[in-house]
C-alpha atoms as a PDB file:
ATOM      1  CA  MET A   1      -9.370  28.503  -1.475  1.00  0.00           C
ATOM      2  CA  THR A   2      -5.594  28.800  -1.318  1.00  0.00           C
ATOM      3  CA  ILE A   3      -3.093  26.293   0.077  1.00  0.00           C
ATOM      4  CA  GLU A   4      -2.674  28.492   3.130  1.00  0.00           C
ATOM      5  CA  ASP A   5      -6.402  28.094   3.858  1.00  0.00           C
ATOM      6  CA  VAL A   6      -6.179  24.289   4.119  1.00  0.00           C
ATOM      7  CA  THR A   7      -6.201  23.425   7.811  1.00  0.00           C
ATOM      8  CA  ALA A   8      -7.752  19.944   7.599  1.00  0.00           C
ATOM      9  CA  LEU A   9      -7.247  17.088   5.182  1.00  0.00           C
ATOM     10  CA  PRO A  10     -10.140  15.654   3.131  1.00  0.00           C
ATOM     11  CA  PHE A  11      -9.702  12.194   4.671  1.00  0.00           C
ATOM     12  CA  VAL A  12     -12.299   9.595   3.633  1.00  0.00           C
ATOM     13  CA  ALA A  13     -12.339   6.450   5.776  1.00  0.00           C
ATOM     14  CA  THR A  14     -12.946   3.102   4.063  1.00  0.00           C
ATOM     15  CA  GLY A  15     -12.785  -0.534   5.069  1.00  0.00           C
ATOM     16  CA  VAL A  16      -9.125  -0.618   4.024  1.00  0.00           C
ATOM     17  CA  GLU A  17      -8.071   1.573   6.928  1.00  0.00           C
ATOM     18  CA  ALA A  18     -10.088  -0.574   9.328  1.00  0.00           C
ATOM     19  CA  LEU A  19      -8.465  -3.761   8.025  1.00  0.00           C
ATOM     20  CA  PHE A  20      -4.934  -2.378   8.206  1.00  0.00           C
ATOM     21  CA  ARG A  21      -5.506  -0.578  11.537  1.00  0.00           C
ATOM     22  CA  VAL A  22      -4.624   2.793  10.014  1.00  0.00           C
ATOM     23  CA  THR A  23      -5.918   5.935  11.716  1.00  0.00           C
ATOM     24  CA  PRO A  24      -7.258   8.985   9.826  1.00  0.00           C
ATOM     25  CA  VAL A  25      -4.541  11.170   8.324  1.00  0.00           C
ATOM     26  CA  THR A  26      -4.321  14.575   9.997  1.00  0.00           C
ATOM     27  CA  GLY A  27      -2.339  17.636   8.979  1.00  0.00           C
ATOM     28  CA  ASP A  28      -2.682  20.146   6.168  1.00  0.00           C
ATOM     29  CA  ALA A  29      -1.567  20.701   2.569  1.00  0.00           C
ATOM     30  CA  THR A  30       2.105  20.532   3.555  1.00  0.00           C
ATOM     31  CA  HIS A  31       2.325  17.477   5.797  1.00  0.00           C
ATOM     32  CA  GLY A  32       0.397  14.527   7.195  1.00  0.00           C
ATOM     33  CA  LYS A  33       0.436  12.207  10.207  1.00  0.00           C
ATOM     34  CA  SER A  34      -1.082   8.794  10.833  1.00  0.00           C
ATOM     35  CA  THR A  35      -0.522   5.622  12.850  1.00  0.00           C
ATOM     36  CA  MET A  36      -0.924   1.888  12.382  1.00  0.00           C
ATOM     37  CA  THR A  37      -1.303  -0.736  15.099  1.00  0.00           C
ATOM     38  CA  THR A  38       0.727  -3.856  14.402  1.00  0.00           C
ATOM     39  CA  GLY A  39      -0.375  -7.409  15.127  1.00  0.00           C
ATOM     40  CA  PRO A  40      -0.226 -11.073  14.045  1.00  0.00           C
ATOM     41  CA  TRP A  41      -2.392 -10.209  11.036  1.00  0.00           C
ATOM     42  CA  MET A  42       0.766  -8.764   9.403  1.00  0.00           C
ATOM     43  CA  ALA A  43       2.586 -12.124   9.364  1.00  0.00           C
ATOM     44  CA  ASP A  44       3.406 -13.796   6.062  1.00  0.00           C
ATOM     45  CA  GLU A  45       3.414 -17.539   5.468  1.00  0.00           C
ATOM     46  CA  ARG A  46       6.822 -17.847   7.144  1.00  0.00           C
ATOM     47  CA  GLY A  47       5.488 -16.218  10.290  1.00  0.00           C
ATOM     48  CA  LEU A  48       7.604 -13.107   9.643  1.00  0.00           C
ATOM     49  CA  PRO A  49       6.286  -9.546   9.263  1.00  0.00           C
ATOM     50  CA  CYS A  50       5.101  -8.735   5.753  1.00  0.00           C
ATOM     51  CA  ARG A  51       6.815  -5.438   4.998  1.00  0.00           C
ATOM     52  CA  GLY A  52       4.338  -4.676   2.216  1.00  0.00           C
ATOM     53  CA  ALA A  53       1.628  -4.425   4.888  1.00  0.00           C
ATOM     54  CA  LEU A  54       2.861  -0.853   5.435  1.00  0.00           C
ATOM     55  CA  GLY A  55       1.594   0.093   1.966  1.00  0.00           C
ATOM     56  CA  VAL A  56      -1.816   1.394   3.040  1.00  0.00           C
ATOM     57  CA  LEU A  57      -0.315   3.555   5.780  1.00  0.00           C
ATOM     58  CA  MET A  58       2.339   5.010   3.462  1.00  0.00           C
ATOM     59  CA  ASP A  59      -0.035   5.575   0.553  1.00  0.00           C
ATOM     60  CA  ASP A  60      -2.516   7.381   2.790  1.00  0.00           C
ATOM     61  CA  VAL A  61      -0.064   9.572   4.675  1.00  0.00           C
ATOM     62  CA  THR A  62       1.737  10.739   1.513  1.00  0.00           C
ATOM     63  CA  GLY A  63      -1.378  11.088  -0.607  1.00  0.00           C
ATOM     64  CA  TYR A  64      -3.796  13.120   1.474  1.00  0.00           C
ATOM     65  CA  PRO A  65      -1.686  16.298   1.828  1.00  0.00           C
ATOM     66  CA  ILE A  66      -1.472  16.426  -1.981  1.00  0.00           C
ATOM     67  CA  THR A  67      -5.167  15.594  -2.310  1.00  0.00           C
ATOM     68  CA  ALA A  68      -5.848  18.686  -0.183  1.00  0.00           C
ATOM     69  CA  ARG A  69      -4.342  20.725  -3.044  1.00  0.00           C
ATOM     70  CA  ALA A  70      -6.646  19.274  -5.717  1.00  0.00           C
ATOM     71  CA  PRO A  71      -8.721  21.758  -7.754  1.00  0.00           C
ATOM     72  CA  ALA A  72     -12.502  21.797  -7.397  1.00  0.00           C
ATOM     73  CA  ARG A  73     -14.197  18.601  -8.628  1.00  0.00           C
ATOM     74  CA  HIS A  74     -10.874  16.752  -8.664  1.00  0.00           C
ATOM     75  CA  TRP A  75      -9.287  14.023  -6.562  1.00  0.00           C
ATOM     76  CA  SER A  76      -5.743  12.642  -6.581  1.00  0.00           C
ATOM     77  CA  VAL A  77      -4.473   9.207  -7.576  1.00  0.00           C
ATOM     78  CA  THR A  78      -1.079   7.671  -6.870  1.00  0.00           C
ATOM     79  CA  THR A  79       0.984   6.987  -9.982  1.00  0.00           C
ATOM     80  CA  GLU A  80       4.217   5.919  -8.246  1.00  0.00           C
ATOM     81  CA  LEU A  81       4.930   4.640  -4.748  1.00  0.00           C
ATOM     82  CA  HIS A  82       8.432   3.684  -3.570  1.00  0.00           C
ATOM     83  CA  LEU A  83       9.211   2.089  -0.204  1.00  0.00           C
ATOM     84  CA  ASP A  84      12.620   1.369   1.324  1.00  0.00           C
ATOM     85  CA  PHE A  85      12.826  -0.723   4.486  1.00  0.00           C
ATOM     86  CA  SER A  86      15.436  -0.598   7.241  1.00  0.00           C
ATOM     87  CA  ARG A  87      13.945  -3.169   9.626  1.00  0.00           C
ATOM     88  CA  ASN A  88      10.933  -5.388  10.203  1.00  0.00           C
ATOM     89  CA  PRO A  89       7.869  -3.932  11.889  1.00  0.00           C
ATOM     90  CA  ALA A  90       6.831  -5.744  15.047  1.00  0.00           C
ATOM     91  CA  LEU A  91       3.837  -8.085  15.321  1.00  0.00           C
ATOM     92  CA  ASP A  92       3.160  -7.368  18.991  1.00  0.00           C
ATOM     93  CA  GLY A  93       0.407  -4.753  18.874  1.00  0.00           C
ATOM     94  CA  SER A  94       2.767  -1.797  19.147  1.00  0.00           C
ATOM     95  CA  VAL A  95       2.040   1.375  17.203  1.00  0.00           C
ATOM     96  CA  LEU A  96       3.909   2.626  14.148  1.00  0.00           C
ATOM     97  CA  ARG A  97       3.883   6.369  13.481  1.00  0.00           C
ATOM     98  CA  ALA A  98       4.081   7.875  10.010  1.00  0.00           C
ATOM     99  CA  GLU A  99       4.782  11.460   8.988  1.00  0.00           C
ATOM    100  CA  SER A 100       4.871  12.944   5.489  1.00  0.00           C
ATOM    101  CA  GLN A 101       6.008  16.150   3.833  1.00  0.00           C
ATOM    102  CA  VAL A 102       5.030  17.572   0.442  1.00  0.00           C
ATOM    103  CA  VAL A 103       8.227  18.069  -1.568  1.00  0.00           C
ATOM    104  CA  THR A 104       6.831  19.740  -4.662  1.00  0.00           C
ATOM    105  CA  GLU A 105       3.509  20.440  -6.334  1.00  0.00           C
ATOM    106  CA  ASP A 106       2.261  21.664  -9.687  1.00  0.00           C
ATOM    107  CA  PRO A 107      -1.111  22.066 -11.426  1.00  0.00           C
ATOM    108  CA  ASP A 108      -1.155  18.338 -12.264  1.00  0.00           C
ATOM    109  CA  GLY A 109      -0.258  16.854  -8.865  1.00  0.00           C
ATOM    110  CA  GLY A 110       2.725  16.565  -6.561  1.00  0.00           C
ATOM    111  CA  LEU A 111       5.462  14.584  -4.845  1.00  0.00           C
ATOM    112  CA  ALA A 112       5.604  13.740  -1.141  1.00  0.00           C
ATOM    113  CA  THR A 113       7.929  11.771   1.116  1.00  0.00           C
ATOM    114  CA  SER A 114       7.254   9.997   4.392  1.00  0.00           C
ATOM    115  CA  ARG A 115       8.827   7.858   7.065  1.00  0.00           C
ATOM    116  CA  VAL A 116       7.549   5.337   9.584  1.00  0.00           C
ATOM    117  CA  VAL A 117       9.081   4.875  13.029  1.00  0.00           C
ATOM    118  CA  ASP A 118       8.394   2.343  15.762  1.00  0.00           C
ATOM    119  CA  GLU A 119       7.700   3.107  19.430  1.00  0.00           C
ATOM    120  CA  SER A 120      11.445   3.340  20.096  1.00  0.00           C
ATOM    121  CA  GLY A 121      11.851   5.987  17.399  1.00  0.00           C
ATOM    122  CA  ARG A 122      13.729   3.672  15.037  1.00  0.00           C
ATOM    123  CA  VAL A 123      13.034   4.172  11.334  1.00  0.00           C
ATOM    124  CA  VAL A 124      11.208   1.187   9.869  1.00  0.00           C
ATOM    125  CA  ALA A 125      10.619   2.492   6.344  1.00  0.00           C
ATOM    126  CA  LEU A 126      10.966   5.495   4.067  1.00  0.00           C
ATOM    127  CA  ALA A 127       8.638   6.279   1.171  1.00  0.00           C
ATOM    128  CA  SER A 128       8.035   8.653  -1.698  1.00  0.00           C
ATOM    129  CA  ALA A 129       4.838   9.012  -3.699  1.00  0.00           C
ATOM    130  CA  ARG A 130       3.924  10.857  -6.869  1.00  0.00           C
ATOM    131  CA  LEU A 131       0.280  11.734  -7.450  1.00  0.00           C
ATOM    132  CA  ARG A 132      -1.809  13.237 -10.231  1.00  0.00           C
ATOM    133  CA  PHE A 133      -5.114  15.060 -10.085  1.00  0.00           C
ATOM    134  CA  VAL A 134      -8.054  13.473 -11.908  1.00  0.00           C
ATOM    135  CA  ALA A 135     -11.533  14.777 -12.585  1.00  0.00           C
ATOM    136  CA  ALA A 136     -13.808  13.258  -9.940  1.00  0.00           C
ATOM    137  CA  ASP A 137     -16.311  14.428  -7.409  1.00  0.00           C
ATOM    138  CA  MET A 138     -14.681  14.545  -3.994  1.00  0.00           C
ATOM    139  CA  PRO A 139     -16.239  11.876  -1.774  1.00  0.00           C
ATOM    140  CA  THR A 140     -17.980  13.329   1.242  1.00  0.00           C
ATOM    141  CA  GLY A 141     -17.826  11.616   4.614  1.00  0.00           C
ATOM    142  CA  SER A 142     -16.906   7.989   5.127  1.00  0.00           C
ATOM    143  CA  VAL A 143     -17.570   5.377   2.463  1.00  0.00           C
ATOM    144  CA  PRO A 144     -20.158   2.844   3.713  1.00  0.00           C
ATOM    145  CA  ASP A 145     -18.413  -0.502   4.097  1.00  0.00           C
ATOM    146  CA  HIS A 146     -18.800  -3.784   5.870  1.00  0.00           C
ATOM    147  CA  VAL A 147     -15.638  -5.509   7.023  1.00  0.00           C
ATOM    148  CA  ALA A 148     -16.161  -9.222   7.647  1.00  0.00           C
ATOM    149  CA  PRO A 149     -15.263 -10.211  11.228  1.00  0.00           C
ATOM    150  CA  ALA A 150     -13.199 -13.103   9.826  1.00  0.00           C
ATOM    151  CA  ARG A 151     -10.907 -10.637   8.097  1.00  0.00           C
ATOM    152  CA  MET A 152     -10.587  -8.437  11.156  1.00  0.00           C
ATOM    153  CA  ASN A 153      -9.575 -11.533  13.140  1.00  0.00           C
ATOM    154  CA  ALA A 154      -7.113 -12.756  10.513  1.00  0.00           C
ATOM    155  CA  THR A 155      -3.878 -14.317  11.736  1.00  0.00           C
ATOM    156  CA  SER A 156      -1.907 -13.683   8.536  1.00  0.00           C
ATOM    157  CA  ILE A 157      -1.718 -11.082   5.783  1.00  0.00           C
ATOM    158  CA  ILE A 158      -2.903 -13.618   3.175  1.00  0.00           C
ATOM    159  CA  GLU A 159      -6.007 -14.285   5.252  1.00  0.00           C
ATOM    160  CA  LEU A 160      -6.575 -10.572   5.796  1.00  0.00           C
ATOM    161  CA  LEU A 161      -6.452  -9.878   2.055  1.00  0.00           C
ATOM    162  CA  GLY A 162      -8.560 -12.901   1.156  1.00  0.00           C
ATOM    163  CA  ALA A 163      -5.877 -13.836  -1.382  1.00  0.00           C
ATOM    164  CA  HIS A 164      -4.582 -17.198  -2.578  1.00  0.00           C
ATOM    165  CA  HIS A 165      -1.661 -18.475  -4.588  1.00  0.00           C
ATOM    166  CA  ARG A 166      -2.372 -19.358  -8.194  1.00  0.00           C
ATOM    167  CA  ARG A 167      -2.531 -23.113  -8.857  1.00  0.00           C
ATOM    168  CA  ASP A 168      -1.459 -23.577  -5.214  1.00  0.00           C
ATOM    169  CA  ASN A 169       2.058 -22.614  -6.264  1.00  0.00           C
ATOM    170  CA  ALA A 170       3.583 -19.595  -4.541  1.00  0.00           C
ATOM    171  CA  ALA A 171       6.030 -18.995  -7.397  1.00  0.00           C
ATOM    172  CA  ALA A 172       3.162 -18.781  -9.904  1.00  0.00           C
ATOM    173  CA  GLY A 173       1.725 -15.625  -8.387  1.00  0.00           C
ATOM    174  CA  LEU A 174      -1.201 -14.426  -6.343  1.00  0.00           C
ATOM    175  CA  GLU A 175      -4.906 -13.864  -6.946  1.00  0.00           C
ATOM    176  CA  LEU A 176      -6.884 -11.184  -5.127  1.00  0.00           C
ATOM    177  CA  GLU A 177     -10.650 -11.602  -5.070  1.00  0.00           C
ATOM    178  CA  PRO A 178     -12.889  -8.523  -5.266  1.00  0.00           C
ATOM    179  CA  SER A 179     -13.973  -7.069  -1.927  1.00  0.00           C
ATOM    180  CA  GLU A 180     -15.523  -3.824  -0.757  1.00  0.00           C
ATOM    181  CA  SER A 181     -13.056  -3.895   2.123  1.00  0.00           C
ATOM    182  CA  LEU A 182     -10.119  -3.371  -0.251  1.00  0.00           C
ATOM    183  CA  ARG A 183     -11.426  -0.337  -2.165  1.00  0.00           C
ATOM    184  CA  ASN A 184     -10.369   3.301  -2.027  1.00  0.00           C
ATOM    185  CA  PRO A 185     -12.879   6.210  -2.007  1.00  0.00           C
ATOM    186  CA  LEU A 186     -13.139   6.068  -5.833  1.00  0.00           C
ATOM    187  CA  GLY A 187     -14.144   2.390  -5.783  1.00  0.00           C
ATOM    188  CA  ASN A 188     -10.850   0.981  -7.065  1.00  0.00           C
ATOM    189  CA  VAL A 189      -8.499  -1.357  -5.187  1.00  0.00           C
ATOM    190  CA  HIS A 190      -6.453   0.740  -2.759  1.00  0.00           C
ATOM    191  CA  GLY A 191      -2.880   1.390  -3.898  1.00  0.00           C
ATOM    192  CA  GLY A 192      -1.487   0.162  -0.596  1.00  0.00           C
ATOM    193  CA  VAL A 193      -3.332  -3.144  -1.023  1.00  0.00           C
ATOM    194  CA  LEU A 194      -1.902  -3.522  -4.540  1.00  0.00           C
ATOM    195  CA  LEU A 195       1.582  -2.876  -3.168  1.00  0.00           C
ATOM    196  CA  CYS A 196       1.107  -5.431  -0.401  1.00  0.00           C
ATOM    197  CA  ALA A 197      -0.153  -8.122  -2.790  1.00  0.00           C
ATOM    198  CA  SER A 198       2.683  -7.380  -5.231  1.00  0.00           C
ATOM    199  CA  GLU A 199       5.257  -7.777  -2.476  1.00  0.00           C
ATOM    200  CA  LEU A 200       3.754 -11.097  -1.390  1.00  0.00           C
ATOM    201  CA  ALA A 201       3.774 -12.434  -4.950  1.00  0.00           C
ATOM    202  CA  GLY A 202       7.299 -11.202  -5.615  1.00  0.00           C
ATOM    203  CA  HIS A 203       8.810 -12.449  -2.399  1.00  0.00           C
ATOM    204  CA  SER A 204       7.146 -15.859  -2.733  1.00  0.00           C
ATOM    205  CA  ALA A 205       8.719 -16.227  -6.166  1.00  0.00           C
ATOM    206  CA  VAL A 206      12.173 -15.447  -4.779  1.00  0.00           C
ATOM    207  CA  THR A 207      12.155 -18.056  -2.051  1.00  0.00           C
ATOM    208  CA  PRO A 208       9.749 -20.070   0.086  1.00  0.00           C
ATOM    209  CA  HIS A 209      12.234 -19.838   2.950  1.00  0.00           C
ATOM    210  CA  ALA A 210      13.244 -17.113   5.391  1.00  0.00           C
ATOM    211  CA  GLU A 211      16.729 -16.239   4.168  1.00  0.00           C
ATOM    212  CA  PHE A 212      15.616 -13.404   1.849  1.00  0.00           C
ATOM    213  CA  GLN A 213      13.902 -10.222   3.045  1.00  0.00           C
ATOM    214  CA  THR A 214      12.276  -7.488   0.962  1.00  0.00           C
ATOM    215  CA  THR A 215      14.350  -4.306   1.133  1.00  0.00           C
ATOM    216  CA  SER A 216      12.580  -2.101  -1.413  1.00  0.00           C
ATOM    217  CA  ILE A 217       9.407  -1.910  -3.489  1.00  0.00           C
ATOM    218  CA  ALA A 218       8.976   0.384  -6.505  1.00  0.00           C
ATOM    219  CA  MET A 219       5.367   0.549  -7.722  1.00  0.00           C
ATOM    220  CA  ALA A 220       3.873   2.157 -10.806  1.00  0.00           C
ATOM    221  CA  PHE A 221       0.079   2.382 -11.141  1.00  0.00           C
ATOM    222  CA  VAL A 222      -0.645   2.516 -14.875  1.00  0.00           C
ATOM    223  CA  ARG A 223      -4.433   2.143 -14.787  1.00  0.00           C
ATOM    224  CA  PRO A 224      -7.109   1.758 -12.094  1.00  0.00           C
ATOM    225  CA  CYS A 225      -7.801  -1.722 -10.699  1.00  0.00           C
ATOM    226  CA  PRO A 226     -11.606  -1.983 -10.424  1.00  0.00           C
ATOM    227  CA  GLY A 227     -12.689  -3.162  -7.008  1.00  0.00           C
ATOM    228  CA  THR A 228     -15.410  -5.348  -8.568  1.00  0.00           C
ATOM    229  CA  GLU A 229     -13.190  -7.903 -10.316  1.00  0.00           C
ATOM    230  CA  PRO A 230     -10.273 -10.183  -9.372  1.00  0.00           C
ATOM    231  CA  ILE A 231      -6.678  -9.045  -9.811  1.00  0.00           C
ATOM    232  CA  THR A 232      -3.797 -11.418 -10.531  1.00  0.00           C
ATOM    233  CA  PHE A 233      -0.168 -10.718  -9.631  1.00  0.00           C
ATOM    234  CA  ALA A 234       2.340 -12.497 -11.855  1.00  0.00           C
ATOM    235  CA  PRO A 235       6.034 -12.455 -10.842  1.00  0.00           C
ATOM    236  CA  ARG A 236       9.005 -12.634 -13.227  1.00  0.00           C
ATOM    237  CA  MET A 237      12.478 -13.246 -11.865  1.00  0.00           C
ATOM    238  CA  ILE A 238      14.977 -10.670 -13.148  1.00  0.00           C
ATOM    239  CA  TYR A 239      17.981 -11.746 -11.104  1.00  0.00           C
ATOM    240  CA  ARG A 240      18.760 -14.059  -8.221  1.00  0.00           C
ATOM    241  CA  GLY A 241      22.215 -14.377  -6.730  1.00  0.00           C
ATOM    242  CA  ARG A 242      23.651 -15.510  -3.441  1.00  0.00           C
ATOM    243  CA  THR A 243      23.042 -12.219  -1.629  1.00  0.00           C
ATOM    244  CA  PHE A 244      20.133 -10.478  -3.324  1.00  0.00           C
ATOM    245  CA  ALA A 245      17.372 -10.918  -5.888  1.00  0.00           C
ATOM    246  CA  VAL A 246      15.175  -8.740  -8.071  1.00  0.00           C
ATOM    247  CA  VAL A 247      11.719  -9.743  -9.264  1.00  0.00           C
ATOM    248  CA  GLN A 248       9.104  -7.820 -11.247  1.00  0.00           C
ATOM    249  CA  VAL A 249       5.403  -8.307 -10.586  1.00  0.00           C
ATOM    250  CA  ALA A 250       2.599  -7.340 -12.962  1.00  0.00           C
ATOM    251  CA  GLY A 251      -0.893  -6.817 -11.569  1.00  0.00           C
ATOM    252  CA  ARG A 252      -3.539  -7.552 -14.220  1.00  0.00           C
ATOM    253  CA  ASN A 253      -7.295  -7.153 -14.333  1.00  0.00           C
ATOM    254  CA  ARG A 254      -9.851  -9.694 -15.558  1.00  0.00           C
ATOM    255  CA  SER A 255      -9.230  -8.834 -19.213  1.00  0.00           C
ATOM    256  CA  GLY A 256      -5.484  -9.320 -18.806  1.00  0.00           C
ATOM    257  CA  LYS A 257      -4.549  -5.639 -19.000  1.00  0.00           C
ATOM    258  CA  THR A 258      -1.677  -4.512 -16.798  1.00  0.00           C
ATOM    259  CA  CYS A 259      -2.797  -2.221 -13.973  1.00  0.00           C
ATOM    260  CA  THR A 260       0.361  -2.153 -11.850  1.00  0.00           C
ATOM    261  CA  THR A 261       4.020  -2.999 -12.131  1.00  0.00           C
ATOM    262  CA  ALA A 262       6.283  -3.537  -9.131  1.00  0.00           C
ATOM    263  CA  THR A 263       9.999  -4.122  -8.774  1.00  0.00           C
ATOM    264  CA  ILE A 264      10.741  -6.043  -5.582  1.00  0.00           C
ATOM    265  CA  THR A 265      14.329  -6.206  -4.331  1.00  0.00           C
ATOM    266  CA  CYS A 266      15.241  -8.769  -1.686  1.00  0.00           C
ATOM    267  CA  HIS A 267      18.488  -9.214   0.245  1.00  0.00           C
ATOM    268  CA  ARG A 268      19.685 -12.236   2.174  1.00  0.00           C
ATOM    269  CA  MET A 269      19.181 -11.716   5.885  1.00  0.00           C
END
């Protein structure tokens, strides 16, 4: 099969998409489209929209067009995901629309970009993602999953993720308990979930107040995060000034090995 033959994406629905209200990605091996319905579940502990909640949407819409290019008996995994934000998403149930375009591809993977706009056509976020092909049987159909009603009715992003702050101290980081609802088709924690948790941990370390807002997130996925064990997100302040701050967040598995690194940049509102 050639790239020109790809007329449908190999989308595999999981509980993650249900939790984050993300629709199946449509398109082909050159571009993708998806939507996400906003709501109070996206609110952080300040009652403001958690910008990292767009991670699942952006990871999906950039990743699936490249996944469509994977050789036989291969799948794709995200190695880098970068998001830049221009405004807050709403919390009112309106729909965000995402579109992606493959920029380049090679035998090992590819690079894609995407953007998210609100119902007024205003750009909310831009993203780029780099993916690599890995040997794996392509999942067929949807992955069986049970999403707890309590999570679907969550009134905050922390509640939706089932996460909690370490030692009840926001600056100390975040812990994410294992859940089937947070896994990707390969059984690992979804990259968009890891980005969201990293942003929460990083932003909480910058300030417990509302004056700082996340403006960019740069993620690197260095090894898979198994969906069967807890993940901790430890922030380290790199710089904090009067107008902006930079914090790095390491996501580690049960054995203490680093699975993800994230650089979170925040600017004063």
